[in-house]
PDB file of N, CA and C in Angstrom:
ATOM      1  N   UNK A   1      31.662  46.577 110.320  1.00  0.00           N
ATOM      2  CA  UNK A   1      31.152  46.318 109.002  1.00  0.00           C
ATOM      3  C   UNK A   1      30.013  47.293 108.737  1.00  0.00           C
ATOM      4  N   UNK A   2      29.980  47.759 107.522  1.00  0.00           N
ATOM      5  CA  UNK A   2      28.936  48.687 107.099  1.00  0.00           C
ATOM      6  C   UNK A   2      28.315  48.200 105.805  1.00  0.00           C
ATOM      7  N   UNK A   3      27.060  48.577 105.602  1.00  0.00           N
ATOM      8  CA  UNK A   3      26.432  48.370 104.312  1.00  0.00           C
ATOM      9  C   UNK A   3      26.061  49.736 103.765  1.00  0.00           C
ATOM     10  N   UNK A   4      26.582  50.060 102.594  1.00  0.00           N
ATOM     11  CA  UNK A   4      26.313  51.336 101.949  1.00  0.00           C
ATOM     12  C   UNK A   4      25.136  51.157 100.997  1.00  0.00           C
ATOM     13  N   UNK A   5      24.022  51.798 101.310  1.00  0.00           N
ATOM     14  CA  UNK A   5      22.819  51.618 100.486  1.00  0.00           C
ATOM     15  C   UNK A   5      22.957  52.279  99.124  1.00  0.00           C
ATOM     16  N   UNK A   6      23.850  53.248  98.997  1.00  0.00           N
ATOM     17  CA  UNK A   6      24.013  53.948  97.726  1.00  0.00           C
ATOM     18  C   UNK A   6      24.874  53.158  96.732  1.00  0.00           C
ATOM     19  N   UNK A   7      25.929  52.535  97.240  1.00  0.00           N
ATOM     20  CA  UNK A   7      26.773  51.732  96.355  1.00  0.00           C
ATOM     21  C   UNK A   7      26.400  50.252  96.392  1.00  0.00           C
ATOM     22  N   UNK A   8      25.478  49.892  97.320  1.00  0.00           N
ATOM     23  CA  UNK A   8      25.022  48.511  97.457  1.00  0.00           C
ATOM     24  C   UNK A   8      26.197  47.572  97.755  1.00  0.00           C
ATOM     25  N   UNK A   9      27.021  47.978  98.737  1.00  0.00           N
ATOM     26  CA  UNK A   9      28.220  47.205  99.087  1.00  0.00           C
ATOM     27  C   UNK A   9      28.416  47.143 100.589  1.00  0.00           C
ATOM     28  N   UNK A  10      29.083  46.081 101.012  1.00  0.00           N
ATOM     29  CA  UNK A  10      29.561  45.961 102.380  1.00  0.00           C
ATOM     30  C   UNK A  10      30.996  46.481 102.424  1.00  0.00           C
ATOM     31  N   UNK A  11      31.385  47.072 103.554  1.00  0.00           N
ATOM     32  CA  UNK A  11      32.764  47.516 103.720  1.00  0.00           C
ATOM     33  C   UNK A  11      33.117  47.472 105.206  1.00  0.00           C
ATOM     34  N   UNK A  12      34.397  47.642 105.497  1.00  0.00           N
ATOM     35  CA  UNK A  12      34.839  47.549 106.876  1.00  0.00           C
ATOM     36  C   UNK A  12      35.684  48.728 107.304  1.00  0.00           C
ATOM     37  N   UNK A  13      35.652  48.998 108.607  1.00  0.00           N
ATOM     38  CA  UNK A  13      36.459  50.067 109.185  1.00  0.00           C
ATOM     39  C   UNK A  13      36.768  49.688 110.622  1.00  0.00           C
ATOM     40  N   UNK A  14      37.967  50.001 111.064  1.00  0.00           N
ATOM     41  CA  UNK A  14      38.354  49.792 112.455  1.00  0.00           C
ATOM     42  C   UNK A  14      38.758  51.128 113.044  1.00  0.00           C
ATOM     43  N   UNK A  15      38.566  51.290 114.317  1.00  0.00           N
ATOM     44  CA  UNK A  15      39.066  52.480 115.005  1.00  0.00           C
ATOM     45  C   UNK A  15      40.220  52.029 115.882  1.00  0.00           C
ATOM     46  N   UNK A  16      41.373  52.596 115.593  1.00  0.00           N
ATOM     47  CA  UNK A  16      42.562  52.264 116.366  1.00  0.00           C
ATOM     48  C   UNK A  16      42.988  53.533 117.094  1.00  0.00           C
ATOM     49  N   UNK A  17      42.906  53.486 118.411  1.00  0.00           N
ATOM     50  CA  UNK A  17      43.199  54.655 119.252  1.00  0.00           C
ATOM     51  C   UNK A  17      42.373  55.868 118.819  1.00  0.00           C
ATOM     52  N   UNK A  18      41.116  55.621 118.482  1.00  0.00           N
ATOM     53  CA  UNK A  18      40.190  56.684 118.137  1.00  0.00           C
ATOM     54  C   UNK A  18      40.231  57.151 116.698  1.00  0.00           C
ATOM     55  N   UNK A  19      41.185  56.691 115.927  1.00  0.00           N
ATOM     56  CA  UNK A  19      41.312  57.117 114.527  1.00  0.00           C
ATOM     57  C   UNK A  19      40.707  56.063 113.596  1.00  0.00           C
ATOM     58  N   UNK A  20      39.905  56.474 112.622  1.00  0.00           N
ATOM     59  CA  UNK A  20      39.333  55.506 111.686  1.00  0.00           C
ATOM     60  C   UNK A  20      40.385  54.942 110.742  1.00  0.00           C
ATOM     61  N   UNK A  21      40.320  53.659 110.518  1.00  0.00           N
ATOM     62  CA  UNK A  21      41.219  52.951 109.607  1.00  0.00           C
ATOM     63  C   UNK A  21      40.379  52.088 108.687  1.00  0.00           C
ATOM     64  N   UNK A  22      40.262  52.516 107.451  1.00  0.00           N
ATOM     65  CA  UNK A  22      39.456  51.790 106.470  1.00  0.00           C
ATOM     66  C   UNK A  22      40.235  50.577 105.987  1.00  0.00           C
ATOM     67  N   UNK A  23      39.535  49.471 105.846  1.00  0.00           N
ATOM     68  CA  UNK A  23      40.114  48.280 105.247  1.00  0.00           C
ATOM     69  C   UNK A  23      39.274  47.895 104.037  1.00  0.00           C
ATOM     70  N   UNK A  24      39.949  47.508 102.985  1.00  0.00           N
ATOM     71  CA  UNK A  24      39.248  47.083 101.776  1.00  0.00           C
ATOM     72  C   UNK A  24      39.173  45.565 101.686  1.00  0.00           C
ATOM     73  N   UNK A  25      39.688  44.901 102.704  1.00  0.00           N
ATOM     74  CA  UNK A  25      39.734  43.440 102.733  1.00  0.00           C
ATOM     75  C   UNK A  25      38.347  42.822 102.671  1.00  0.00           C
ATOM     76  N   UNK A  26      37.361  43.498 103.243  1.00  0.00           N
ATOM     77  CA  UNK A  26      36.028  42.922 103.349  1.00  0.00           C
ATOM     78  C   UNK A  26      35.025  43.517 102.371  1.00  0.00           C
ATOM     79  N   UNK A  27      35.482  44.322 101.426  1.00  0.00           N
ATOM     80  CA  UNK A  27      34.554  44.882 100.435  1.00  0.00           C
ATOM     81  C   UNK A  27      33.872  43.748  99.679  1.00  0.00           C
ATOM     82  N   UNK A  28      32.554  43.799  99.639  1.00  0.00           N
ATOM     83  CA  UNK A  28      31.781  42.728  98.995  1.00  0.00           C
ATOM     84  C   UNK A  28      30.449  43.266  98.505  1.00  0.00           C
ATOM     85  N   UNK A  29      29.981  42.677  97.441  1.00  0.00           N
ATOM     86  CA  UNK A  29      28.676  43.051  96.877  1.00  0.00           C
ATOM     87  C   UNK A  29      27.551  42.166  97.405  1.00  0.00           C
ATOM     88  N   UNK A  30      27.878  40.938  97.809  1.00  0.00           N
ATOM     89  CA  UNK A  30      26.843  40.015  98.285  1.00  0.00           C
ATOM     90  C   UNK A  30      27.182  39.516  99.681  1.00  0.00           C
ATOM     91  N   UNK A  31      26.178  39.062 100.377  1.00  0.00           N
ATOM     92  CA  UNK A  31      26.385  38.519 101.711  1.00  0.00           C
ATOM     93  C   UNK A  31      27.257  37.269 101.673  1.00  0.00           C
ATOM     94  N   UNK A  32      27.106  36.467 100.639  1.00  0.00           N
ATOM     95  CA  UNK A  32      27.953  35.272 100.500  1.00  0.00           C
ATOM     96  C   UNK A  32      29.421  35.657 100.339  1.00  0.00           C
ATOM     97  N   UNK A  33      29.699  36.675  99.534  1.00  0.00           N
ATOM     98  CA  UNK A  33      31.084  37.146  99.365  1.00  0.00           C
ATOM     99  C   UNK A  33      31.639  37.675 100.688  1.00  0.00           C
ATOM    100  N   UNK A  34      30.824  38.434 101.405  1.00  0.00           N
ATOM    101  CA  UNK A  34      31.258  38.968 102.700  1.00  0.00           C
ATOM    102  C   UNK A  34      31.563  37.833 103.667  1.00  0.00           C
ATOM    103  N   UNK A  35      30.697  36.841 103.708  1.00  0.00           N
ATOM    104  CA  UNK A  35      30.901  35.687 104.594  1.00  0.00           C
ATOM    105  C   UNK A  35      32.227  34.996 104.286  1.00  0.00           C
ATOM    106  N   UNK A  36      32.516  34.777 103.021  1.00  0.00           N
ATOM    107  CA  UNK A  36      33.781  34.146 102.624  1.00  0.00           C
ATOM    108  C   UNK A  36      34.973  34.990 103.062  1.00  0.00           C
ATOM    109  N   UNK A  37      34.896  36.293 102.842  1.00  0.00           N
ATOM    110  CA  UNK A  37      36.004  37.171 103.204  1.00  0.00           C
ATOM    111  C   UNK A  37      36.204  37.236 104.716  1.00  0.00           C
ATOM    112  N   UNK A  38      35.115  37.219 105.469  1.00  0.00           N
ATOM    113  CA  UNK A  38      35.235  37.196 106.926  1.00  0.00           C
ATOM    114  C   UNK A  38      35.910  35.915 107.401  1.00  0.00           C
ATOM    115  N   UNK A  39      35.496  34.781 106.847  1.00  0.00           N
ATOM    116  CA  UNK A  39      36.089  33.500 107.239  1.00  0.00           C
ATOM    117  C   UNK A  39      37.583  33.466 106.933  1.00  0.00           C
ATOM    118  N   UNK A  40      37.980  34.018 105.789  1.00  0.00           N
ATOM    119  CA  UNK A  40      39.375  33.963 105.358  1.00  0.00           C
ATOM    120  C   UNK A  40      40.263  34.999 106.040  1.00  0.00           C
ATOM    121  N   UNK A  41      39.714  36.159 106.386  1.00  0.00           N
ATOM    122  CA  UNK A  41      40.566  37.284 106.773  1.00  0.00           C
ATOM    123  C   UNK A  41      40.348  37.879 108.154  1.00  0.00           C
ATOM    124  N   UNK A  42      39.265  37.543 108.830  1.00  0.00           N
ATOM    125  CA  UNK A  42      38.944  38.235 110.076  1.00  0.00           C
ATOM    126  C   UNK A  42      40.014  38.063 111.153  1.00  0.00           C
ATOM    127  N   UNK A  43      40.485  36.860 111.357  1.00  0.00           N
ATOM    128  CA  UNK A  43      41.483  36.633 112.409  1.00  0.00           C
ATOM    129  C   UNK A  43      42.754  37.443 112.149  1.00  0.00           C
ATOM    130  N   UNK A  44      43.236  37.446 110.909  1.00  0.00           N
ATOM    131  CA  UNK A  44      44.435  38.212 110.572  1.00  0.00           C
ATOM    132  C   UNK A  44      44.209  39.714 110.754  1.00  0.00           C
ATOM    133  N   UNK A  45      43.048  40.201 110.353  1.00  0.00           N
ATOM    134  CA  UNK A  45      42.737  41.631 110.506  1.00  0.00           C
ATOM    135  C   UNK A  45      42.699  42.016 111.982  1.00  0.00           C
ATOM    136  N   UNK A  46      42.103  41.180 112.817  1.00  0.00           N
ATOM    137  CA  UNK A  46      42.040  41.473 114.252  1.00  0.00           C
ATOM    138  C   UNK A  46      43.426  41.460 114.879  1.00  0.00           C
ATOM    139  N   UNK A  47      44.278  40.544 114.462  1.00  0.00           N
ATOM    140  CA  UNK A  47      45.662  40.528 114.970  1.00  0.00           C
ATOM    141  C   UNK A  47      46.397  41.812 114.569  1.00  0.00           C
ATOM    142  N   UNK A  48      46.179  42.263 113.334  1.00  0.00           N
ATOM    143  CA  UNK A  48      46.823  43.487 112.853  1.00  0.00           C
ATOM    144  C   UNK A  48      46.309  44.712 113.621  1.00  0.00           C
ATOM    145  N   UNK A  49      45.030  44.744 113.916  1.00  0.00           N
ATOM    146  CA  UNK A  49      44.479  45.853 114.714  1.00  0.00           C
ATOM    147  C   UNK A  49      45.113  45.863 116.096  1.00  0.00           C
ATOM    148  N   UNK A  50      45.231  44.701 116.703  1.00  0.00           N
ATOM    149  CA  UNK A  50      45.855  44.623 118.037  1.00  0.00           C
ATOM    150  C   UNK A  50      47.311  45.075 117.973  1.00  0.00           C
ATOM    151  N   UNK A  51      48.035  44.623 116.952  1.00  0.00           N
ATOM    152  CA  UNK A  51      49.443  45.005 116.818  1.00  0.00           C
ATOM    153  C   UNK A  51      49.579  46.519 116.677  1.00  0.00           C
ATOM    154  N   UNK A  52      48.786  47.110 115.811  1.00  0.00           N
ATOM    155  CA  UNK A  52      48.861  48.556 115.589  1.00  0.00           C
ATOM    156  C   UNK A  52      48.425  49.342 116.816  1.00  0.00           C
ATOM    157  N   UNK A  53      47.470  48.821 117.530  1.00  0.00           N
ATOM    158  CA  UNK A  53      47.008  49.477 118.753  1.00  0.00           C
ATOM    159  C   UNK A  53      48.089  49.460 119.829  1.00  0.00           C
ATOM    160  N   UNK A  54      48.801  48.340 119.925  1.00  0.00           N
ATOM    161  CA  UNK A  54      49.871  48.219 120.913  1.00  0.00           C
ATOM    162  C   UNK A  54      51.080  49.083 120.569  1.00  0.00           C
ATOM    163  N   UNK A  55      51.309  49.359 119.284  1.00  0.00           N
ATOM    164  CA  UNK A  55      52.422  50.199 118.875  1.00  0.00           C
ATOM    165  C   UNK A  55      52.267  51.620 119.391  1.00  0.00           C
ATOM    166  N   UNK A  56      51.031  52.075 119.478  1.00  0.00           N
ATOM    167  CA  UNK A  56      50.782  53.459 119.878  1.00  0.00           C
ATOM    168  C   UNK A  56      50.981  53.678 121.375  1.00  0.00           C
ATOM    169  N   UNK A  57      51.081  52.596 122.129  1.00  0.00           N
ATOM    170  CA  UNK A  57      51.254  52.722 123.598  1.00  0.00           C
ATOM    171  C   UNK A  57      52.619  53.212 123.976  1.00  0.00           C
TER     172      UNK A  57
END
């Protein structure tokens, strides 16, 4: 998770086998919005990262 001070937004990125993979699932303007998105989507995003990582093997 990152906070961009210029756009005043939170965003997310994963590295899968060393390559950056941007996700827009967690884009949020407020901490409350980010918290909601993490609760709703984090488990699915982590499963997808694991799946994609295993494909490259």
